[in-house]
Every structure is written in C-alpha cells, then in structure tokens.
C-alpha cells in the first residue's frame, strides 16, 4: 500500500512539473545587430505553421498524459 501511495505522490509531482514546464513563457533574446535580428524574425515567421503543428501535437499528448495520470491518482 505504501508503494502505491508513494507512486501517486511522485505522479502528482511529475504532473505539476510537466504543467509548469509546458506553460511557462519562452524568453527570446533579440540580437544586437539589426540585420541578424530581422533575419531571425523572418525565419521565425516562415516556420510558424510547423511550430503550431508541433505545439498542437504536444498539447494533445499532454492532455492524454494528464488524463491517464489523474485516472491513476484517483484509483
């Protein structure tokens, strides 16, 4: 019984860490050289759809993982 309780506590801490790491804001440093900063912005703009797709897949997998973890903790 103690093993199950410790596993559930660990699972709760892992879920908390997952949520914190997933939803914290990303800090972007702007380059001091304006030409490089502009090129970075163009590249970021060009890759926006693949990033959105990866982010959507990541969100779906996070919801699936959290649902499984909540079901485990409540049983």
N, C-alpha and C. Protein backbone atom coordinates (compact mmCIF):
# COMPACT_ATOMS: atom_id res chain seq x y z
N UNK A 1 0.82 -1.20 0.00
CA UNK A 1 0.00 0.00 0.00
C UNK A 1 0.87 1.27 0.00
N UNK A 2 1.99 1.22 0.74
CA UNK A 2 2.86 2.40 0.78
C UNK A 2 3.49 2.67 -0.58
N UNK A 3 3.76 1.60 -1.33
CA UNK A 3 4.34 1.77 -2.66
C UNK A 3 3.38 2.49 -3.59
N UNK A 4 2.11 2.17 -3.52
CA UNK A 4 1.10 2.83 -4.34
C UNK A 4 0.98 4.30 -3.96
N UNK A 5 1.01 4.59 -2.66
CA UNK A 5 0.90 5.98 -2.20
C UNK A 5 2.10 6.80 -2.67
N UNK A 6 3.30 6.23 -2.54
CA UNK A 6 4.49 6.95 -2.99
C UNK A 6 4.47 7.16 -4.50
N UNK A 7 3.98 6.16 -5.23
CA UNK A 7 3.90 6.29 -6.69
C UNK A 7 2.90 7.39 -7.07
N UNK A 8 1.81 7.48 -6.35
CA UNK A 8 0.82 8.52 -6.64
C UNK A 8 1.35 9.91 -6.29
N UNK A 9 2.10 10.02 -5.21
CA UNK A 9 2.71 11.30 -4.86
C UNK A 9 3.72 11.71 -5.92
N UNK A 10 4.54 10.76 -6.35
CA UNK A 10 5.52 11.05 -7.41
C UNK A 10 4.80 11.46 -8.70
N UNK A 11 3.72 10.78 -9.03
CA UNK A 11 2.96 11.12 -10.24
C UNK A 11 2.39 12.53 -10.15
N UNK A 12 1.88 12.91 -8.97
CA UNK A 12 1.37 14.27 -8.79
C UNK A 12 2.46 15.32 -8.95
N UNK A 13 3.63 15.04 -8.41
CA UNK A 13 4.75 15.98 -8.56
C UNK A 13 5.21 16.06 -10.02
N UNK A 14 5.21 14.94 -10.71
CA UNK A 14 5.59 14.94 -12.12
C UNK A 14 4.58 15.72 -12.96
N UNK A 15 3.30 15.60 -12.64
CA UNK A 15 2.28 16.37 -13.37
C UNK A 15 2.46 17.86 -13.13
N UNK A 16 2.76 18.24 -11.89
CA UNK A 16 2.98 19.65 -11.58
C UNK A 16 4.17 20.19 -12.36
N UNK A 17 5.26 19.44 -12.39
CA UNK A 17 6.43 19.86 -13.15
C UNK A 17 6.16 19.94 -14.64
N UNK A 18 5.39 18.98 -15.16
CA UNK A 18 5.05 18.99 -16.58
C UNK A 18 4.23 20.23 -16.94
N UNK A 19 3.25 20.54 -16.13
CA UNK A 19 2.42 21.72 -16.40
C UNK A 19 3.26 22.98 -16.30
N UNK A 20 4.13 23.08 -15.30
CA UNK A 20 4.95 24.28 -15.13
C UNK A 20 5.90 24.45 -16.31
N UNK A 21 6.54 23.37 -16.74
CA UNK A 21 7.49 23.47 -17.86
C UNK A 21 6.79 23.73 -19.18
N UNK A 22 5.59 23.21 -19.33
CA UNK A 22 4.88 23.34 -20.61
C UNK A 22 4.29 24.73 -20.81
N UNK A 23 3.84 25.38 -19.76
CA UNK A 23 3.13 26.64 -19.92
C UNK A 23 3.92 27.88 -19.51
N UNK A 24 5.19 27.72 -19.19
CA UNK A 24 5.97 28.92 -18.88
C UNK A 24 6.31 29.64 -20.19
N UNK A 25 6.43 30.95 -20.14
CA UNK A 25 6.70 31.69 -21.38
C UNK A 25 8.14 31.48 -21.85
N UNK A 26 8.30 31.47 -23.16
CA UNK A 26 9.63 31.36 -23.76
C UNK A 26 10.24 32.75 -23.88
N UNK A 27 11.46 32.88 -23.39
CA UNK A 27 12.15 34.16 -23.49
C UNK A 27 13.02 34.16 -24.73
N UNK A 28 12.80 35.12 -25.60
CA UNK A 28 13.60 35.23 -26.82
C UNK A 28 14.52 36.44 -26.69
N UNK A 29 15.79 36.19 -26.91
CA UNK A 29 16.75 37.29 -26.88
C UNK A 29 16.85 37.88 -28.29
N UNK A 30 16.80 39.19 -28.36
CA UNK A 30 16.92 39.87 -29.64
C UNK A 30 18.40 40.19 -29.86
N UNK A 31 18.87 39.89 -31.04
CA UNK A 31 20.26 40.13 -31.37
C UNK A 31 20.51 41.64 -31.49
N UNK A 32 21.71 42.06 -31.11
CA UNK A 32 22.04 43.49 -31.16
C UNK A 32 22.18 43.99 -32.59
N UNK A 33 22.60 43.13 -33.49
CA UNK A 33 22.75 43.51 -34.90
C UNK A 33 21.37 43.51 -35.56
N UNK A 34 20.91 44.66 -36.10
CA UNK A 34 19.57 44.72 -36.68
C UNK A 34 19.36 43.78 -37.86
N UNK A 35 20.39 43.55 -38.67
CA UNK A 35 20.25 42.66 -39.82
C UNK A 35 20.00 41.22 -39.36
N UNK A 36 20.72 40.78 -38.35
CA UNK A 36 20.53 39.43 -37.83
C UNK A 36 19.18 39.31 -37.14
N UNK A 37 18.80 40.34 -36.40
CA UNK A 37 17.50 40.32 -35.72
C UNK A 37 16.36 40.24 -36.73
N UNK A 38 16.47 40.96 -37.82
CA UNK A 38 15.43 40.92 -38.87
C UNK A 38 15.39 39.54 -39.53
N UNK A 39 16.56 38.96 -39.78
CA UNK A 39 16.60 37.62 -40.37
C UNK A 39 16.00 36.58 -39.42
N UNK A 40 16.25 36.74 -38.14
CA UNK A 40 15.65 35.83 -37.16
C UNK A 40 14.13 35.94 -37.18
N UNK A 41 13.62 37.16 -37.26
CA UNK A 41 12.17 37.36 -37.32
C UNK A 41 11.57 36.73 -38.58
N UNK A 42 12.24 36.90 -39.72
CA UNK A 42 11.74 36.29 -40.97
C UNK A 42 11.72 34.77 -40.87
N UNK A 43 12.79 34.20 -40.30
CA UNK A 43 12.85 32.75 -40.16
C UNK A 43 11.78 32.25 -39.19
N UNK A 44 11.58 32.95 -38.11
CA UNK A 44 10.55 32.57 -37.14
C UNK A 44 9.17 32.64 -37.79
N UNK A 45 8.95 33.65 -38.61
CA UNK A 45 7.67 33.80 -39.31
C UNK A 45 7.48 32.68 -40.33
N UNK A 46 8.55 32.30 -41.02
CA UNK A 46 8.45 31.25 -42.03
C UNK A 46 8.15 29.88 -41.42
N UNK A 47 8.59 29.65 -40.19
CA UNK A 47 8.41 28.35 -39.55
C UNK A 47 7.20 28.34 -38.60
N UNK A 48 6.30 29.31 -38.71
CA UNK A 48 5.22 29.40 -37.74
C UNK A 48 4.25 28.22 -37.82
N UNK A 49 3.91 27.75 -39.01
CA UNK A 49 2.95 26.65 -39.13
C UNK A 49 3.51 25.33 -38.62
N UNK A 50 4.75 24.97 -38.96
CA UNK A 50 5.29 23.74 -38.35
C UNK A 50 5.36 23.84 -36.82
N UNK A 51 5.70 25.03 -36.29
CA UNK A 51 5.73 25.18 -34.84
C UNK A 51 4.35 25.04 -34.24
N UNK A 52 3.32 25.58 -34.90
CA UNK A 52 1.95 25.43 -34.40
C UNK A 52 1.52 23.98 -34.42
N UNK A 53 1.92 23.25 -35.45
CA UNK A 53 1.56 21.82 -35.55
C UNK A 53 2.22 21.03 -34.42
N UNK A 54 3.49 21.27 -34.20
CA UNK A 54 4.20 20.58 -33.12
C UNK A 54 3.58 20.95 -31.78
N UNK A 55 3.23 22.21 -31.60
CA UNK A 55 2.62 22.66 -30.35
C UNK A 55 1.26 22.01 -30.13
N UNK A 56 0.46 21.86 -31.20
CA UNK A 56 -0.85 21.21 -31.09
C UNK A 56 -0.69 19.74 -30.72
N UNK A 57 0.27 19.06 -31.35
CA UNK A 57 0.52 17.66 -31.00
C UNK A 57 1.00 17.54 -29.56
N UNK A 58 1.85 18.45 -29.15
CA UNK A 58 2.34 18.45 -27.78
C UNK A 58 1.20 18.68 -26.80
N UNK A 59 0.29 19.56 -27.12
CA UNK A 59 -0.85 19.82 -26.25
C UNK A 59 -1.76 18.60 -26.15
N UNK A 60 -2.04 17.94 -27.28
CA UNK A 60 -2.87 16.74 -27.25
C UNK A 60 -2.23 15.62 -26.43
N UNK A 61 -0.93 15.42 -26.60
CA UNK A 61 -0.24 14.39 -25.82
C UNK A 61 -0.20 14.75 -24.33
N UNK A 62 -0.08 16.02 -24.01
CA UNK A 62 -0.09 16.46 -22.61
C UNK A 62 -1.45 16.19 -21.99
N UNK A 63 -2.52 16.50 -22.70
CA UNK A 63 -3.87 16.24 -22.18
C UNK A 63 -4.07 14.74 -21.97
N UNK A 64 -3.61 13.94 -22.93
CA UNK A 64 -3.74 12.49 -22.82
C UNK A 64 -2.96 11.97 -21.61
N UNK A 65 -1.73 12.46 -21.42
CA UNK A 65 -0.91 12.04 -20.29
C UNK A 65 -1.53 12.47 -18.97
N UNK A 66 -2.01 13.70 -18.91
CA UNK A 66 -2.64 14.18 -17.67
C UNK A 66 -3.91 13.40 -17.35
N UNK A 67 -4.69 13.07 -18.37
CA UNK A 67 -5.91 12.29 -18.14
C UNK A 67 -5.55 10.91 -17.55
N UNK A 68 -4.54 10.27 -18.11
CA UNK A 68 -4.10 8.98 -17.58
C UNK A 68 -3.56 9.10 -16.16
N UNK A 69 -2.81 10.16 -15.89
CA UNK A 69 -2.25 10.35 -14.55
C UNK A 69 -3.36 10.64 -13.53
N UNK A 70 -4.33 11.43 -13.91
CA UNK A 70 -5.44 11.73 -12.99
C UNK A 70 -6.24 10.46 -12.72
N UNK A 71 -6.48 9.66 -13.75
CA UNK A 71 -7.20 8.39 -13.55
C UNK A 71 -6.41 7.49 -12.60
N UNK A 72 -5.08 7.46 -12.74
CA UNK A 72 -4.25 6.64 -11.86
C UNK A 72 -4.30 7.14 -10.43
N UNK A 73 -4.21 8.45 -10.24
CA UNK A 73 -4.19 9.01 -8.89
C UNK A 73 -5.54 8.79 -8.20
N UNK A 74 -6.63 8.89 -8.92
CA UNK A 74 -7.95 8.75 -8.31
C UNK A 74 -8.35 7.29 -8.05
N UNK A 75 -7.62 6.33 -8.59
CA UNK A 75 -7.98 4.92 -8.33
C UNK A 75 -7.32 4.41 -7.08
